[in-house]
Amino acid sequence: MYPHRMEIKFQKMHGTRNDFIVFHDLTNSVELSPDRVAAICDRRAGVGADGVIVVRSDESADFFMDYMNSDGSLAEMCGNGIRCLAKYAYDNGLTRNTTIRVRTRAGIKMLRLFQGPDGLIDTVRVDMGRPVFDPALIPVDIQTETLPIVDHRIEAQGRAFDATIVSMGNPHCVIFVHDDPEELPVLYGPTIERHSLFPARTNVEFVRVIDRTRILMRVWERGSGETFACGTGACAAVVAARLKELVDPETTVHLKGGDLLVEWQTFTSSVLMSGPSVSVYNGTINI
């Protein structure tokens, strides 16, 4: 099936247990089909991951993040993934800078890299840019002149939800609930992901507010299913909570895989996300 296979060295990495297969191709010569990506990400027959990140060269930035979901579909942006890319690039000697620019399908992002005691990167802060509220750019099929879209009624499997809809480079449907944290209704995620309102599908965040500085979130990611964390989703959740005046500008997001710190001041401000990036092991695979 793959007559021109080549051996690739990769690192298995994660950001708050949102895990990725990461390798670099600075000549931009390696192509992966959606089927091959899905096979590599298969947790029983492949390496297993929420997605694949290829670190590529770029004329307008230090690197390009070529990111694919575990089903092989392309993604515009991944907040946990871009932190892993930064650690991979620095730790593997692709850059010596602790401030880098990475182009994504959602534009160029600025990253600040912080070293741990071993001299390797352990924390990354990402300027995620401003949230997008224009329905055509999210995209969401809602005709309204009242923006942002807050508490729009969505029905899924017989249950009605009030959703706040925003893009952080990719579409997010944020739903605030009062369910027990262990029973947040992620089972509705698949239906909402493919709801007719979302022509490009959507990520779905189920959020419970703890207090003014903490929220709890579970996430159903477009193309990957439920994951332990989603960086863009955490940002979207804080933006939505700020729009509803539920939290302060600096908010800790508690996810199944760990915590992220998200900051958003005003509509004219970028969203800033800080969190860990971890290398799990090195390996090789034929692609």
Protein backbone atom coordinates (compact mmCIF):
# COMPACT_ATOMS: atom_id res chain seq x y z
CA MET A 1 0.00 0.00 0.00
CA TYR A 2 2.92 2.35 0.73
CA PRO A 3 5.59 1.47 -1.90
CA HIS A 4 7.94 4.32 -0.93
CA ARG A 5 8.10 3.90 2.83
CA MET A 6 10.76 5.72 4.78
CA GLU A 7 11.85 5.51 8.38
CA ILE A 8 11.06 8.55 10.50
CA LYS A 9 12.41 9.36 13.96
CA PHE A 10 9.70 10.84 16.16
CA GLN A 11 9.00 11.91 19.70
CA LYS A 12 5.87 11.00 21.60
CA MET A 13 4.86 14.14 23.51
CA HIS A 14 1.97 15.53 25.47
CA GLY A 15 0.62 18.78 26.86
CA THR A 16 -1.68 18.12 29.82
CA ARG A 17 -2.00 14.54 28.48
CA ASN A 18 -3.22 15.71 25.07
CA ASP A 19 -0.71 13.53 23.22
CA PHE A 20 1.02 13.83 19.86
CA ILE A 21 3.50 12.17 17.53
CA VAL A 22 6.00 14.88 16.59
CA PHE A 23 8.78 14.88 13.99
CA HIS A 24 10.47 17.46 11.79
CA ASP A 25 10.70 17.74 8.03
CA LEU A 26 12.52 20.97 7.28
CA THR A 27 12.75 20.15 3.56
CA ASN A 28 8.96 19.87 3.44
CA SER A 29 9.26 16.62 1.51
CA VAL A 30 7.25 14.17 3.64
CA GLU A 31 3.56 13.80 2.88
CA LEU A 32 1.10 11.87 5.01
CA SER A 33 -2.27 10.71 3.72
CA PRO A 34 -5.26 10.94 6.08
CA ASP A 35 -5.43 7.13 6.22
CA ARG A 36 -1.77 6.91 7.20
CA VAL A 37 -2.18 9.51 9.94
CA ALA A 38 -5.19 7.62 11.31
CA ALA A 39 -3.21 4.37 11.25
CA ILE A 40 -0.27 5.92 13.13
CA CYS A 41 -2.61 7.41 15.75
CA ASP A 42 -4.47 4.14 16.29
CA ARG A 43 -3.96 3.26 19.97
CA ARG A 44 -4.09 -0.48 19.36
CA ALA A 45 -2.47 -0.99 15.96
CA GLY A 46 -0.27 2.12 15.77
CA VAL A 47 1.75 4.37 18.03
CA GLY A 48 -1.36 5.99 19.45
CA ALA A 49 -2.00 9.73 19.78
CA ASP A 50 -4.57 12.50 19.53
CA GLY A 51 -2.76 13.84 16.48
CA VAL A 52 0.41 14.14 14.39
CA ILE A 53 2.57 17.29 14.26
CA VAL A 54 5.13 17.77 11.51
CA VAL A 55 7.56 20.63 12.18
CA ARG A 56 8.20 22.20 8.79
CA SER A 57 10.25 25.16 7.58
CA ASP A 58 8.49 28.40 6.75
CA GLU A 59 9.44 31.61 4.96
CA SER A 60 7.36 33.89 7.18
CA ALA A 61 8.05 32.36 10.61
CA ASP A 62 10.54 30.16 12.44
CA PHE A 63 8.47 27.05 11.76
CA PHE A 64 5.18 25.86 10.32
CA MET A 65 3.02 23.53 12.42
CA ASP A 66 1.49 20.95 10.10
CA TYR A 67 -1.10 19.42 12.43
CA MET A 68 -3.49 16.55 11.72
CA ASN A 69 -6.16 15.12 14.00
CA SER A 70 -6.20 11.43 14.85
CA ASP A 71 -8.77 10.76 12.10
CA GLY A 72 -6.39 12.25 9.53
CA SER A 73 -8.25 15.53 9.07
CA LEU A 74 -6.32 18.79 8.98
CA ALA A 75 -6.69 21.20 11.91
CA GLU A 76 -6.17 24.93 11.90
CA MET A 77 -4.61 25.16 15.35
CA CYS A 78 -3.83 23.13 18.47
CA GLY A 79 -2.89 24.91 21.69
CA ASN A 80 -1.39 21.90 23.46
CA GLY A 81 0.28 20.76 20.26
CA ILE A 82 2.02 24.07 19.57
CA ARG A 83 3.60 23.98 23.04
CA CYS A 84 4.94 20.51 22.25
CA LEU A 85 6.27 21.78 18.93
CA ALA A 86 8.16 24.54 20.76
CA LYS A 87 9.76 22.10 23.18
CA TYR A 88 10.62 19.70 20.36
CA ALA A 89 12.27 22.45 18.31
CA TYR A 90 14.36 23.78 21.18
CA ASP A 91 15.34 20.47 22.77
CA ASN A 92 16.36 19.02 19.40
CA GLY A 93 18.50 22.01 18.45
CA LEU A 94 16.26 23.34 15.68
CA THR A 95 16.38 26.73 17.43
CA ARG A 96 18.29 28.37 20.28
CA ASN A 97 15.73 31.12 20.71
CA THR A 98 13.35 31.19 23.65
CA THR A 99 10.94 33.44 21.74
CA ILE A 100 9.75 31.96 18.45
CA ARG A 101 7.11 32.55 15.80
CA VAL A 102 5.16 29.54 14.51
CA ARG A 103 2.83 29.71 11.53
CA THR A 104 -0.31 27.64 11.80
CA ARG A 105 -3.33 27.31 9.55
CA ALA A 106 -4.86 29.91 11.87
CA GLY A 107 -2.03 32.40 11.40
CA ILE A 108 1.29 33.12 13.12
CA LYS A 109 1.53 32.57 16.88
CA MET A 110 4.16 34.02 19.22
CA LEU A 111 5.60 31.65 21.83
CA ARG A 112 7.75 32.21 24.90
CA LEU A 113 9.73 29.15 26.01
CA PHE A 114 10.82 28.54 29.62
CA GLN A 115 13.58 26.13 30.61
CA GLY A 116 13.42 23.71 33.49
CA PRO A 117 16.30 22.76 35.82
CA ASP A 118 17.68 20.35 33.18
CA GLY A 119 18.02 23.10 30.58
CA LEU A 120 15.19 21.68 28.49
CA ILE A 121 11.86 23.40 27.89
CA ASP A 122 9.12 22.49 30.34
CA THR A 123 6.62 25.38 30.05
CA VAL A 124 5.46 27.45 27.09
CA ARG A 125 3.35 30.60 26.94
CA VAL A 126 1.44 31.13 23.71
CA ASP A 127 -0.07 34.32 22.38
CA MET A 128 -3.17 32.78 20.84
CA GLY A 129 -4.38 36.01 19.22
CA ARG A 130 -7.77 37.59 19.61
CA PRO A 131 -10.90 35.44 19.72
CA VAL A 132 -13.09 35.55 16.61
CA PHE A 133 -16.83 36.18 16.94
CA ASP A 134 -17.86 36.68 13.29
CA PRO A 135 -20.18 33.76 12.39
CA ALA A 136 -18.77 33.53 8.87
CA LEU A 137 -15.23 33.19 10.18
CA ILE A 138 -15.92 30.73 13.00
CA PRO A 139 -17.75 29.27 10.94
CA VAL A 140 -21.28 28.84 12.28
CA ASP A 141 -24.56 29.07 10.37
CA ILE A 142 -26.26 31.67 12.57
CA GLN A 143 -27.66 34.88 11.12
CA THR A 144 -27.39 37.59 13.76
CA GLU A 145 -26.16 41.13 14.18
CA THR A 146 -25.78 40.64 17.93
CA LEU A 147 -22.21 39.58 18.60
CA PRO A 148 -20.65 37.75 20.33
CA ILE A 149 -22.97 34.74 20.14
CA VAL A 150 -23.77 33.98 23.79
CA ASP A 151 -26.32 31.44 25.07
CA HIS A 152 -27.57 30.30 21.67
CA ARG A 153 -29.95 27.39 22.15
CA ILE A 154 -28.74 24.09 20.69
CA GLU A 155 -30.52 20.74 20.99
CA ALA A 156 -28.73 17.40 20.97
CA GLN A 157 -30.21 13.98 21.68
CA GLY A 158 -33.28 15.49 23.29
CA ARG A 159 -31.39 17.84 25.62
CA ALA A 160 -31.21 21.60 25.15
CA PHE A 161 -28.02 23.56 25.81
CA ASP A 162 -27.16 27.26 25.81
CA ALA A 163 -23.95 27.62 23.81
CA THR A 164 -21.42 30.41 23.46
CA ILE A 165 -19.71 30.14 20.08
CA VAL A 166 -16.23 31.44 19.34
CA SER A 167 -13.19 30.67 17.23
CA MET A 168 -9.65 30.46 18.57
CA GLY A 169 -8.38 29.69 15.09
CA ASN A 170 -10.74 26.72 15.09
CA PRO A 171 -14.45 26.58 15.99
CA HIS A 172 -15.63 26.06 19.58
CA CYS A 173 -19.04 25.54 21.10
CA VAL A 174 -18.79 26.28 24.84
CA ILE A 175 -21.55 25.02 27.10
CA PHE A 176 -21.81 25.86 30.81
CA VAL A 177 -23.39 23.17 32.97
CA HIS A 178 -23.99 22.39 36.64
CA ASP A 179 -23.48 18.64 36.31
CA ASP A 180 -21.16 16.78 38.66
CA PRO A 181 -17.56 17.22 37.40
CA GLU A 182 -17.20 13.49 36.85
CA GLU A 183 -20.39 13.38 34.81
CA LEU A 184 -20.13 16.43 32.56
CA PRO A 185 -22.23 15.52 29.50
CA VAL A 186 -19.44 14.77 27.04
CA LEU A 187 -21.61 12.04 25.52
CA TYR A 188 -23.44 14.82 23.65
CA GLY A 189 -20.17 15.87 22.02
CA PRO A 190 -20.40 13.73 18.87
CA THR A 191 -23.87 15.06 18.02
CA ILE A 192 -22.95 18.70 18.63
CA GLU A 193 -19.66 18.32 16.72
CA ARG A 194 -21.64 17.46 13.59
CA HIS A 195 -24.63 19.71 14.27
CA SER A 196 -25.99 21.37 11.13
CA LEU A 197 -25.03 24.78 12.56
CA PHE A 198 -21.34 23.99 12.07
CA PRO A 199 -20.36 23.54 8.40
CA ALA A 200 -16.77 22.63 9.34
CA ARG A 201 -17.83 20.73 12.48
CA THR A 202 -16.84 22.05 15.90
CA ASN A 203 -15.00 21.36 19.13
CA VAL A 204 -17.32 21.14 22.13
CA GLU A 205 -16.43 22.25 25.67
CA PHE A 206 -18.53 21.40 28.71
CA VAL A 207 -17.61 23.79 31.51
CA ARG A 208 -18.43 24.13 35.18
CA VAL A 209 -17.42 27.31 36.98
CA ILE A 210 -15.80 26.71 40.37
CA ASP A 211 -15.13 30.32 41.36
CA ARG A 212 -13.85 33.58 39.85
CA THR A 213 -10.40 32.14 39.10
CA ARG A 214 -11.09 28.47 38.33
CA ILE A 215 -13.19 26.48 35.91
CA LEU A 216 -13.44 22.77 35.23
CA MET A 217 -13.72 21.56 31.64
CA ARG A 218 -14.13 18.40 29.63
CA VAL A 219 -13.78 18.52 25.89
CA TRP A 220 -14.93 16.69 22.79
CA GLU A 221 -12.44 17.52 20.05
CA ARG A 222 -13.42 17.68 16.41
CA GLY A 223 -11.78 14.75 14.65
CA SER A 224 -10.33 13.17 17.81
CA GLY A 225 -13.18 12.53 20.26
CA GLU A 226 -12.85 13.21 23.98
CA THR A 227 -9.30 14.16 24.88
CA PHE A 228 -7.61 14.82 28.22
CA ALA A 229 -7.13 18.48 27.31
CA CYS A 230 -7.55 21.05 24.54
CA GLY A 231 -5.54 24.27 24.60
CA THR A 232 -7.70 26.22 22.16
CA GLY A 233 -10.75 24.84 23.96
CA ALA A 234 -9.46 26.08 27.31
CA CYS A 235 -8.98 29.53 25.77
CA ALA A 236 -12.45 29.48 24.24
CA ALA A 237 -13.93 28.43 27.59
CA VAL A 238 -12.30 31.34 29.42
CA VAL A 239 -13.37 33.79 26.71
CA ALA A 240 -16.94 32.50 27.01
CA ALA A 241 -16.83 32.72 30.80
CA ARG A 242 -15.50 36.29 30.59
CA LEU A 243 -18.28 37.23 28.15
CA LYS A 244 -20.78 35.97 30.74
CA GLU A 245 -18.87 37.81 33.53
CA LEU A 246 -18.29 34.58 35.42
CA VAL A 247 -14.50 34.73 35.90
CA ASP A 248 -11.59 37.14 36.33
CA PRO A 249 -9.07 37.94 33.56
CA GLU A 250 -6.63 35.25 34.78
CA THR A 251 -8.31 31.88 35.08
CA THR A 252 -6.99 28.38 35.73
CA VAL A 253 -8.66 25.71 33.62
CA HIS A 254 -8.75 22.28 35.25
CA LEU A 255 -8.79 19.51 32.62
CA LYS A 256 -8.61 15.73 32.89
CA GLY A 257 -4.94 15.93 31.93
CA GLY A 258 -3.87 18.84 34.12
CA ASP A 259 -4.13 22.62 34.40
CA LEU A 260 -3.71 25.51 31.97
CA LEU A 261 -3.53 29.20 32.84
CA VAL A 262 -5.49 31.41 30.45
CA GLU A 263 -5.51 35.22 30.44
CA TRP A 264 -7.90 37.47 28.53
CA GLN A 265 -8.42 41.08 29.46
CA THR A 266 -10.65 42.78 26.86
CA PHE A 267 -11.93 42.50 23.29
CA THR A 268 -8.78 44.24 22.04
CA SER A 269 -6.48 41.81 23.88
CA SER A 270 -4.90 38.58 22.76
CA VAL A 271 -5.64 35.42 24.70
CA LEU A 272 -2.53 34.13 26.49
CA MET A 273 -2.21 30.46 27.39
CA SER A 274 0.52 28.94 29.58
CA GLY A 275 1.08 25.26 30.25
CA PRO A 276 3.49 22.34 30.30
CA SER A 277 5.02 20.40 27.42
CA VAL A 278 6.41 16.93 28.04
CA SER A 279 8.50 14.49 26.01
CA VAL A 280 7.54 10.89 26.75
CA TYR A 281 9.85 8.80 24.53
CA ASN A 282 11.71 8.67 21.21
CA GLY A 283 10.91 6.14 18.52
CA THR A 284 11.05 5.30 14.85
CA ILE A 285 8.26 4.42 12.49
CA ASN A 286 7.98 3.55 8.80
CA ILE A 287 5.66 5.87 6.89
